């Protein structure tokens, strides 16, 4: 009976902290795998750009007409616009 509070505390800890973090990590990994040319993204540093080149671990962002910057793929924080959406808007 003295172990019951510890087990209960671990179960609560798991469902409130560990499980949501695992879900967030899985969603982020899926987002990083789904990146493609033409996506508009924001980096973890706050830089906004459009993907012009992709490799397994690097992303080249076009920031303006002449500036292209290379980042690790993990530096992408979120996708602000997918490539299909931006091509449909221009039509």
PDB file of N, CA and C in Angstrom:
ATOM      1  N   UNK A   1       0.809  -1.204   0.000  1.00  0.00           N
ATOM      2  CA  UNK A   1       0.000   0.000   0.000  1.00  0.00           C
ATOM      3  C   UNK A   1       0.850   1.263   0.000  1.00  0.00           C
ATOM      4  N   UNK A   2       2.061   1.185   0.546  1.00  0.00           N
ATOM      5  CA  UNK A   2       2.888   2.386   0.601  1.00  0.00           C
ATOM      6  C   UNK A   2       3.432   2.776  -0.774  1.00  0.00           C
ATOM      7  N   UNK A   3       3.419   1.852  -1.741  1.00  0.00           N
ATOM      8  CA  UNK A   3       3.881   2.151  -3.094  1.00  0.00           C
ATOM      9  C   UNK A   3       2.794   2.801  -3.944  1.00  0.00           C
ATOM     10  N   UNK A   4       1.570   2.666  -3.556  1.00  0.00           N
ATOM     11  CA  UNK A   4       0.451   3.197  -4.337  1.00  0.00           C
ATOM     12  C   UNK A   4       0.563   4.704  -4.601  1.00  0.00           C
ATOM     13  N   UNK A   5       0.901   5.536  -3.631  1.00  0.00           N
ATOM     14  CA  UNK A   5       1.042   6.970  -3.926  1.00  0.00           C
ATOM     15  C   UNK A   5       2.152   7.262  -4.951  1.00  0.00           C
ATOM     16  N   UNK A   6       3.245   6.518  -4.894  1.00  0.00           N
ATOM     17  CA  UNK A   6       4.331   6.728  -5.844  1.00  0.00           C
ATOM     18  C   UNK A   6       3.925   6.314  -7.260  1.00  0.00           C
ATOM     19  N   UNK A   7       3.226   5.194  -7.349  1.00  0.00           N
ATOM     20  CA  UNK A   7       2.752   4.735  -8.653  1.00  0.00           C
ATOM     21  C   UNK A   7       1.747   5.732  -9.216  1.00  0.00           C
ATOM     22  N   UNK A   8       0.844   6.192  -8.408  1.00  0.00           N
ATOM     23  CA  UNK A   8      -0.146   7.175  -8.831  1.00  0.00           C
ATOM     24  C   UNK A   8       0.527   8.477  -9.262  1.00  0.00           C
ATOM     25  N   UNK A   9       1.539   8.902  -8.517  1.00  0.00           N
ATOM     26  CA  UNK A   9       2.260  10.124  -8.864  1.00  0.00           C
ATOM     27  C   UNK A   9       2.993   9.959 -10.206  1.00  0.00           C
ATOM     28  N   UNK A  10       3.573   8.793 -10.453  1.00  0.00           N
ATOM     29  CA  UNK A  10       4.247   8.545 -11.718  1.00  0.00           C
ATOM     30  C   UNK A  10       3.253   8.550 -12.877  1.00  0.00           C
ATOM     31  N   UNK A  11       2.091   7.943 -12.693  1.00  0.00           N
ATOM     32  CA  UNK A  11       1.071   7.915 -13.748  1.00  0.00           C
ATOM     33  C   UNK A  11       0.611   9.336 -14.082  1.00  0.00           C
ATOM     34  N   UNK A  12       0.377  10.144 -13.080  1.00  0.00           N
ATOM     35  CA  UNK A  12      -0.027  11.536 -13.300  1.00  0.00           C
ATOM     36  C   UNK A  12       1.098  12.301 -13.999  1.00  0.00           C
ATOM     37  N   UNK A  13       2.322  12.101 -13.557  1.00  0.00           N
ATOM     38  CA  UNK A  13       3.482  12.735 -14.157  1.00  0.00           C
ATOM     39  C   UNK A  13       3.599  12.362 -15.634  1.00  0.00           C
ATOM     40  N   UNK A  14       3.377  11.083 -15.940  1.00  0.00           N
ATOM     41  CA  UNK A  14       3.468  10.608 -17.316  1.00  0.00           C
ATOM     42  C   UNK A  14       2.434  11.299 -18.204  1.00  0.00           C
ATOM     43  N   UNK A  15       1.180  11.324 -17.769  1.00  0.00           N
ATOM     44  CA  UNK A  15       0.121  11.876 -18.612  1.00  0.00           C
ATOM     45  C   UNK A  15       0.138  13.398 -18.683  1.00  0.00           C
ATOM     46  N   UNK A  16       0.713  14.067 -17.719  1.00  0.00           N
ATOM     47  CA  UNK A  16       0.750  15.529 -17.748  1.00  0.00           C
ATOM     48  C   UNK A  16       2.027  16.090 -18.372  1.00  0.00           C
ATOM     49  N   UNK A  17       3.144  15.355 -18.320  1.00  0.00           N
ATOM     50  CA  UNK A  17       4.409  15.900 -18.797  1.00  0.00           C
ATOM     51  C   UNK A  17       5.059  15.087 -19.917  1.00  0.00           C
ATOM     52  N   UNK A  18       5.242  13.818 -19.706  1.00  0.00           N
ATOM     53  CA  UNK A  18       6.008  13.012 -20.651  1.00  0.00           C
ATOM     54  C   UNK A  18       5.243  12.789 -21.956  1.00  0.00           C
ATOM     55  N   UNK A  19       4.023  12.362 -21.879  1.00  0.00           N
ATOM     56  CA  UNK A  19       3.249  12.047 -23.077  1.00  0.00           C
ATOM     57  C   UNK A  19       3.026  13.257 -23.978  1.00  0.00           C
ATOM     58  N   UNK A  20       2.636  14.431 -23.462  1.00  0.00           N
ATOM     59  CA  UNK A  20       2.486  15.599 -24.345  1.00  0.00           C
ATOM     60  C   UNK A  20       3.797  16.005 -25.012  1.00  0.00           C
ATOM     61  N   UNK A  21       4.908  15.867 -24.311  1.00  0.00           N
ATOM     62  CA  UNK A  21       6.202  16.206 -24.904  1.00  0.00           C
ATOM     63  C   UNK A  21       6.548  15.247 -26.035  1.00  0.00           C
ATOM     64  N   UNK A  22       6.261  13.969 -25.870  1.00  0.00           N
ATOM     65  CA  UNK A  22       6.509  12.998 -26.931  1.00  0.00           C
ATOM     66  C   UNK A  22       5.651  13.304 -28.155  1.00  0.00           C
ATOM     67  N   UNK A  23       4.413  13.700 -27.936  1.00  0.00           N
ATOM     68  CA  UNK A  23       3.510  14.041 -29.034  1.00  0.00           C
ATOM     69  C   UNK A  23       4.018  15.268 -29.789  1.00  0.00           C
ATOM     70  N   UNK A  24       4.476  16.282 -29.060  1.00  0.00           N
ATOM     71  CA  UNK A  24       4.998  17.494 -29.676  1.00  0.00           C
ATOM     72  C   UNK A  24       6.257  17.191 -30.490  1.00  0.00           C
ATOM     73  N   UNK A  25       7.130  16.334 -29.976  1.00  0.00           N
ATOM     74  CA  UNK A  25       8.348  15.950 -30.688  1.00  0.00           C
ATOM     75  C   UNK A  25       8.015  15.201 -31.968  1.00  0.00           C
ATOM     76  N   UNK A  26       7.031  14.311 -31.909  1.00  0.00           N
ATOM     77  CA  UNK A  26       6.618  13.551 -33.089  1.00  0.00           C
ATOM     78  C   UNK A  26       6.053  14.485 -34.157  1.00  0.00           C
ATOM     79  N   UNK A  27       5.235  15.455 -33.766  1.00  0.00           N
ATOM     80  CA  UNK A  27       4.679  16.410 -34.717  1.00  0.00           C
ATOM     81  C   UNK A  27       5.779  17.243 -35.364  1.00  0.00           C
ATOM     82  N   UNK A  28       6.758  17.665 -34.578  1.00  0.00           N
ATOM     83  CA  UNK A  28       7.866  18.467 -35.119  1.00  0.00           C
ATOM     84  C   UNK A  28       8.687  17.655 -36.120  1.00  0.00           C
ATOM     85  N   UNK A  29       8.973  16.394 -35.794  1.00  0.00           N
ATOM     86  CA  UNK A  29       9.726  15.545 -36.716  1.00  0.00           C
ATOM     87  C   UNK A  29       8.963  15.327 -38.017  1.00  0.00           C
ATOM     88  N   UNK A  30       7.652  15.155 -37.934  1.00  0.00           N
ATOM     89  CA  UNK A  30       6.838  15.009 -39.144  1.00  0.00           C
ATOM     90  C   UNK A  30       6.885  16.284 -39.985  1.00  0.00           C
ATOM     91  N   UNK A  31       6.835  17.455 -39.335  1.00  0.00           N
ATOM     92  CA  UNK A  31       6.910  18.720 -40.049  1.00  0.00           C
ATOM     93  C   UNK A  31       8.251  18.864 -40.752  1.00  0.00           C
ATOM     94  N   UNK A  32       9.337  18.500 -40.083  1.00  0.00           N
ATOM     95  CA  UNK A  32      10.663  18.608 -40.684  1.00  0.00           C
ATOM     96  C   UNK A  32      10.829  17.644 -41.863  1.00  0.00           C
ATOM     97  N   UNK A  33      10.249  16.458 -41.766  1.00  0.00           N
ATOM     98  CA  UNK A  33      10.315  15.497 -42.877  1.00  0.00           C
ATOM     99  C   UNK A  33       9.496  15.953 -44.069  1.00  0.00           C
ATOM    100  N   UNK A  34       8.432  16.725 -43.839  1.00  0.00           N
ATOM    101  CA  UNK A  34       7.531  17.143 -44.906  1.00  0.00           C
ATOM    102  C   UNK A  34       7.977  18.424 -45.603  1.00  0.00           C
ATOM    103  N   UNK A  35       9.101  18.994 -45.211  1.00  0.00           N
ATOM    104  CA  UNK A  35       9.576  20.219 -45.856  1.00  0.00           C
ATOM    105  C   UNK A  35       9.878  19.961 -47.324  1.00  0.00           C
ATOM    106  N   UNK A  36       9.610  20.981 -48.164  1.00  0.00           N
ATOM    107  CA  UNK A  36       9.945  20.863 -49.583  1.00  0.00           C
ATOM    108  C   UNK A  36      10.215  22.242 -50.156  1.00  0.00           C
ATOM    109  N   UNK A  37      10.770  22.263 -51.347  1.00  0.00           N
ATOM    110  CA  UNK A  37      11.100  23.518 -52.000  1.00  0.00           C
ATOM    111  C   UNK A  37       9.848  24.370 -52.163  1.00  0.00           C
ATOM    112  N   UNK A  38      10.014  25.662 -51.921  1.00  0.00           N
ATOM    113  CA  UNK A  38       8.906  26.598 -52.075  1.00  0.00           C
ATOM    114  C   UNK A  38       8.160  26.880 -50.783  1.00  0.00           C
ATOM    115  N   UNK A  39       8.356  26.075 -49.754  1.00  0.00           N
ATOM    116  CA  UNK A  39       7.706  26.325 -48.468  1.00  0.00           C
ATOM    117  C   UNK A  39       8.278  27.587 -47.841  1.00  0.00           C
ATOM    118  N   UNK A  40       7.405  28.402 -47.279  1.00  0.00           N
ATOM    119  CA  UNK A  40       7.848  29.569 -46.535  1.00  0.00           C
ATOM    120  C   UNK A  40       7.929  29.162 -45.076  1.00  0.00           C
ATOM    121  N   UNK A  41       9.101  29.409 -44.458  1.00  0.00           N
ATOM    122  CA  UNK A  41       9.351  28.929 -43.106  1.00  0.00           C
ATOM    123  C   UNK A  41       9.915  30.042 -42.236  1.00  0.00           C
ATOM    124  N   UNK A  42       9.892  29.783 -40.934  1.00  0.00           N
ATOM    125  CA  UNK A  42      10.536  30.633 -39.949  1.00  0.00           C
ATOM    126  C   UNK A  42      11.523  29.775 -39.180  1.00  0.00           C
ATOM    127  N   UNK A  43      12.744  30.296 -38.976  1.00  0.00           N
ATOM    128  CA  UNK A  43      13.749  29.540 -38.237  1.00  0.00           C
ATOM    129  C   UNK A  43      13.577  29.784 -36.742  1.00  0.00           C
ATOM    130  N   UNK A  44      14.326  29.036 -35.937  1.00  0.00           N
ATOM    131  CA  UNK A  44      14.251  29.211 -34.487  1.00  0.00           C
ATOM    132  C   UNK A  44      14.794  30.566 -34.065  1.00  0.00           C
ATOM    133  N   UNK A  45      15.583  31.204 -34.943  1.00  0.00           N
ATOM    134  CA  UNK A  45      16.110  32.533 -34.665  1.00  0.00           C
ATOM    135  C   UNK A  45      15.182  33.650 -35.117  1.00  0.00           C
ATOM    136  N   UNK A  46      14.069  33.295 -35.774  1.00  0.00           N
ATOM    137  CA  UNK A  46      13.102  34.292 -36.202  1.00  0.00           C
ATOM    138  C   UNK A  46      13.272  34.758 -37.636  1.00  0.00           C
ATOM    139  N   UNK A  47      14.158  34.140 -38.406  1.00  0.00           N
ATOM    140  CA  UNK A  47      14.387  34.528 -39.792  1.00  0.00           C
ATOM    141  C   UNK A  47      13.308  33.914 -40.676  1.00  0.00           C
ATOM    142  N   UNK A  48      12.704  34.730 -41.533  1.00  0.00           N
ATOM    143  CA  UNK A  48      11.680  34.265 -42.457  1.00  0.00           C
ATOM    144  C   UNK A  48      12.302  34.102 -43.834  1.00  0.00           C
ATOM    145  N   UNK A  49      11.970  33.007 -44.515  1.00  0.00           N
ATOM    146  CA  UNK A  49      12.514  32.773 -45.841  1.00  0.00           C
ATOM    147  C   UNK A  49      11.760  31.680 -46.564  1.00  0.00           C
ATOM    148  N   UNK A  50      12.137  31.484 -47.828  1.00  0.00           N
ATOM    149  CA  UNK A  50      11.540  30.462 -48.676  1.00  0.00           C
ATOM    150  C   UNK A  50      12.595  29.415 -48.989  1.00  0.00           C
ATOM    151  N   UNK A  51      12.237  28.155 -48.886  1.00  0.00           N
ATOM    152  CA  UNK A  51      13.182  27.064 -49.141  1.00  0.00           C
ATOM    153  C   UNK A  51      13.468  26.985 -50.636  1.00  0.00           C
ATOM    154  N   UNK A  52      14.761  27.034 -50.991  1.00  0.00           N
ATOM    155  CA  UNK A  52      15.161  26.885 -52.391  1.00  0.00           C
ATOM    156  C   UNK A  52      15.944  25.599 -52.625  1.00  0.00           C
ATOM    157  N   UNK A  53      16.571  25.053 -51.597  1.00  0.00           N
ATOM    158  CA  UNK A  53      17.298  23.779 -51.706  1.00  0.00           C
ATOM    159  C   UNK A  53      17.127  22.996 -50.409  1.00  0.00           C
ATOM    160  N   UNK A  54      17.090  21.667 -50.546  1.00  0.00           N
ATOM    161  CA  UNK A  54      16.965  20.769 -49.391  1.00  0.00           C
ATOM    162  C   UNK A  54      17.920  19.601 -49.535  1.00  0.00           C
ATOM    163  N   UNK A  55      18.552  19.228 -48.437  1.00  0.00           N
ATOM    164  CA  UNK A  55      19.260  17.959 -48.358  1.00  0.00           C
ATOM    165  C   UNK A  55      18.732  17.250 -47.114  1.00  0.00           C
ATOM    166  N   UNK A  56      19.330  16.118 -46.766  1.00  0.00           N
ATOM    167  CA  UNK A  56      18.863  15.383 -45.597  1.00  0.00           C
ATOM    168  C   UNK A  56      19.026  16.170 -44.305  1.00  0.00           C
ATOM    169  N   UNK A  57      20.069  16.998 -44.234  1.00  0.00           N
ATOM    170  CA  UNK A  57      20.311  17.721 -42.985  1.00  0.00           C
ATOM    171  C   UNK A  57      20.471  19.229 -43.139  1.00  0.00           C
ATOM    172  N   UNK A  58      20.412  19.764 -44.354  1.00  0.00           N
ATOM    173  CA  UNK A  58      20.576  21.202 -44.592  1.00  0.00           C
ATOM    174  C   UNK A  58      19.386  21.771 -45.350  1.00  0.00           C
ATOM    175  N   UNK A  59      19.131  23.063 -45.114  1.00  0.00           N
ATOM    176  CA  UNK A  59      18.076  23.799 -45.806  1.00  0.00           C
ATOM    177  C   UNK A  59      18.680  25.124 -46.261  1.00  0.00           C
ATOM    178  N   UNK A  60      18.470  25.478 -47.525  1.00  0.00           N
ATOM    179  CA  UNK A  60      18.912  26.778 -48.028  1.00  0.00           C
ATOM    180  C   UNK A  60      17.671  27.643 -48.175  1.00  0.00           C
ATOM    181  N   UNK A  61      17.691  28.800 -47.485  1.00  0.00           N
ATOM    182  CA  UNK A  61      16.559  29.720 -47.515  1.00  0.00           C
ATOM    183  C   UNK A  61      16.890  30.940 -48.336  1.00  0.00           C
ATOM    184  N   UNK A  62      15.944  31.351 -49.160  1.00  0.00           N
ATOM    185  CA  UNK A  62      16.054  32.597 -49.898  1.00  0.00           C
ATOM    186  C   UNK A  62      15.365  33.654 -49.050  1.00  0.00           C
ATOM    187  N   UNK A  63      16.167  34.628 -48.580  1.00  0.00           N
ATOM    188  CA  UNK A  63      15.655  35.637 -47.667  1.00  0.00           C
ATOM    189  C   UNK A  63      15.139  36.844 -48.441  1.00  0.00           C
ATOM    190  N   UNK A  64      15.882  37.265 -49.455  1.00  0.00           N
ATOM    191  CA  UNK A  64      15.420  38.312 -50.368  1.00  0.00           C
ATOM    192  C   UNK A  64      15.917  37.956 -51.761  1.00  0.00           C
ATOM    193  N   UNK A  65      15.913  38.907 -52.689  1.00  0.00           N
ATOM    194  CA  UNK A  65      16.253  38.586 -54.077  1.00  0.00           C
ATOM    195  C   UNK A  65      17.674  38.072 -54.262  1.00  0.00           C
ATOM    196  N   UNK A  66      18.606  38.496 -53.422  1.00  0.00           N
ATOM    197  CA  UNK A  66      20.004  38.110 -53.627  1.00  0.00           C
ATOM    198  C   UNK A  66      20.586  37.278 -52.497  1.00  0.00           C
ATOM    199  N   UNK A  67      19.945  37.200 -51.360  1.00  0.00           N
ATOM    200  CA  UNK A  67      20.515  36.541 -50.189  1.00  0.00           C
ATOM    201  C   UNK A  67      19.946  35.140 -50.004  1.00  0.00           C
ATOM    202  N   UNK A  68      20.860  34.162 -49.946  1.00  0.00           N
ATOM    203  CA  UNK A  68      20.492  32.777 -49.634  1.00  0.00           C
ATOM    204  C   UNK A  68      21.327  32.351 -48.437  1.00  0.00           C
ATOM    205  N   UNK A  69      20.687  31.795 -47.440  1.00  0.00           N
ATOM    206  CA  UNK A  69      21.359  31.366 -46.219  1.00  0.00           C
ATOM    207  C   UNK A  69      21.147  29.872 -46.005  1.00  0.00           C
ATOM    208  N   UNK A  70      22.183  29.190 -45.510  1.00  0.00           N
ATOM    209  CA  UNK A  70      22.123  27.755 -45.253  1.00  0.00           C
ATOM    210  C   UNK A  70      21.956  27.510 -43.759  1.00  0.00           C
ATOM    211  N   UNK A  71      21.005  26.647 -43.427  1.00  0.00           N
ATOM    212  CA  UNK A  71      20.718  26.294 -42.039  1.00  0.00           C
ATOM    213  C   UNK A  71      20.643  24.784 -41.907  1.00  0.00           C
ATOM    214  N   UNK A  72      20.834  24.288 -40.693  1.00  0.00           N
ATOM    215  CA  UNK A  72      20.510  22.893 -40.415  1.00  0.00           C
ATOM    216  C   UNK A  72      19.000  22.742 -40.511  1.00  0.00           C
ATOM    217  N   UNK A  73      18.578  21.587 -40.936  1.00  0.00           N
ATOM    218  CA  UNK A  73      17.137  21.342 -41.072  1.00  0.00           C
ATOM    219  C   UNK A  73      16.428  21.504 -39.725  1.00  0.00           C
ATOM    220  N   UNK A  74      17.111  21.172 -38.647  1.00  0.00           N
ATOM    221  CA  UNK A  74      16.509  21.271 -37.319  1.00  0.00           C
ATOM    222  C   UNK A  74      16.315  22.721 -36.871  1.00  0.00           C
ATOM    223  N   UNK A  75      16.894  23.682 -37.596  1.00  0.00           N
ATOM    224  CA  UNK A  75      16.742  25.089 -37.245  1.00  0.00           C
ATOM    225  C   UNK A  75      15.406  25.662 -37.708  1.00  0.00           C
ATOM    226  N   UNK A  76      14.661  24.917 -38.505  1.00  0.00           N
ATOM    227  CA  UNK A  76      13.344  25.378 -38.956  1.00  0.00           C
ATOM    228  C   UNK A  76      12.363  25.215 -37.805  1.00  0.00           C
ATOM    229  N   UNK A  77      11.706  26.310 -37.462  1.00  0.00           N
ATOM    230  CA  UNK A  77      10.770  26.294 -36.338  1.00  0.00           C
ATOM    231  C   UNK A  77       9.358  25.941 -36.789  1.00  0.00           C
ATOM    232  N   UNK A  78       8.886  26.584 -37.848  1.00  0.00           N
ATOM    233  CA  UNK A  78       7.549  26.268 -38.354  1.00  0.00           C
ATOM    234  C   UNK A  78       7.420  26.651 -39.806  1.00  0.00           C
ATOM    235  N   UNK A  79       6.408  26.107 -40.457  1.00  0.00           N
ATOM    236  CA  UNK A  79       6.107  26.407 -41.853  1.00  0.00           C
ATOM    237  C   UNK A  79       4.964  27.412 -41.849  1.00  0.00           C
ATOM    238  N   UNK A  80       5.201  28.576 -42.477  1.00  0.00           N
ATOM    239  CA  UNK A  80       4.157  29.603 -42.509  1.00  0.00           C
ATOM    240  C   UNK A  80       3.245  29.450 -43.716  1.00  0.00           C
ATOM    241  N   UNK A  81       3.778  28.901 -44.830  1.00  0.00           N
ATOM    242  CA  UNK A  81       2.962  28.653 -46.024  1.00  0.00           C
ATOM    243  C   UNK A  81       3.565  27.503 -46.802  1.00  0.00           C
ATOM    244  N   UNK A  82       2.740  26.556 -47.187  1.00  0.00           N
ATOM    245  CA  UNK A  82       3.188  25.420 -47.978  1.00  0.00           C
ATOM    246  C   UNK A  82       3.356  25.843 -49.435  1.00  0.00           C
ATOM    247  N   UNK A  83       4.141  25.092 -50.186  1.00  0.00           N
ATOM    248  CA  UNK A  83       4.442  25.422 -51.584  1.00  0.00           C
ATOM    249  C   UNK A  83       3.184  25.437 -52.433  1.00  0.00           C
ATOM    250  N   UNK A  84       2.256  24.491 -52.251  1.00  0.00           N
ATOM    251  CA  UNK A  84       1.035  24.455 -53.061  1.00  0.00           C
ATOM    252  C   UNK A  84       0.184  25.687 -52.812  1.00  0.00           C
ATOM    253  N   UNK A  85       0.076  26.096 -51.557  1.00  0.00           N
ATOM    254  CA  UNK A  85      -0.757  27.246 -51.214  1.00  0.00           C
ATOM    255  C   UNK A  85      -0.214  28.519 -51.852  1.00  0.00           C
ATOM    256  N   UNK A  86       1.096  28.704 -51.848  1.00  0.00           N
ATOM    257  CA  UNK A  86       1.656  29.918 -52.417  1.00  0.00           C
ATOM    258  C   UNK A  86       1.550  29.920 -53.943  1.00  0.00           C
ATOM    259  N   UNK A  87       1.611  28.747 -54.598  1.00  0.00           N
ATOM    260  CA  UNK A  87       1.464  28.718 -56.052  1.00  0.00           C
ATOM    261  C   UNK A  87       0.020  28.928 -56.460  1.00  0.00           C
ATOM    262  N   UNK A  88      -0.943  28.492 -55.643  1.00  0.00           N
ATOM    263  CA  UNK A  88      -2.354  28.719 -55.951  1.00  0.00           C
ATOM    264  C   UNK A  88      -2.739  30.173 -55.764  1.00  0.00           C
ATOM    265  N   UNK A  89      -2.125  30.856 -54.797  1.00  0.00           N
ATOM    266  CA  UNK A  89      -2.431  32.255 -54.545  1.00  0.00           C
ATOM    267  C   UNK A  89      -1.977  33.134 -55.698  1.00  0.00           C
ATOM    268  N   UNK A  90      -0.879  32.765 -56.366  1.00  0.00           N
ATOM    269  CA  UNK A  90      -0.353  33.590 -57.451  1.00  0.00           C
ATOM    270  C   UNK A  90      -1.144  33.448 -58.728  1.00  0.00           C
ATOM    271  N   UNK A  91      -2.036  32.447 -58.822  1.00  0.00           N
ATOM    272  CA  UNK A  91      -2.849  32.244 -60.031  1.00  0.00           C
ATOM    273  C   UNK A  91      -4.045  33.158 -60.055  1.00  0.00           C
TER     274      UNK A  91
END
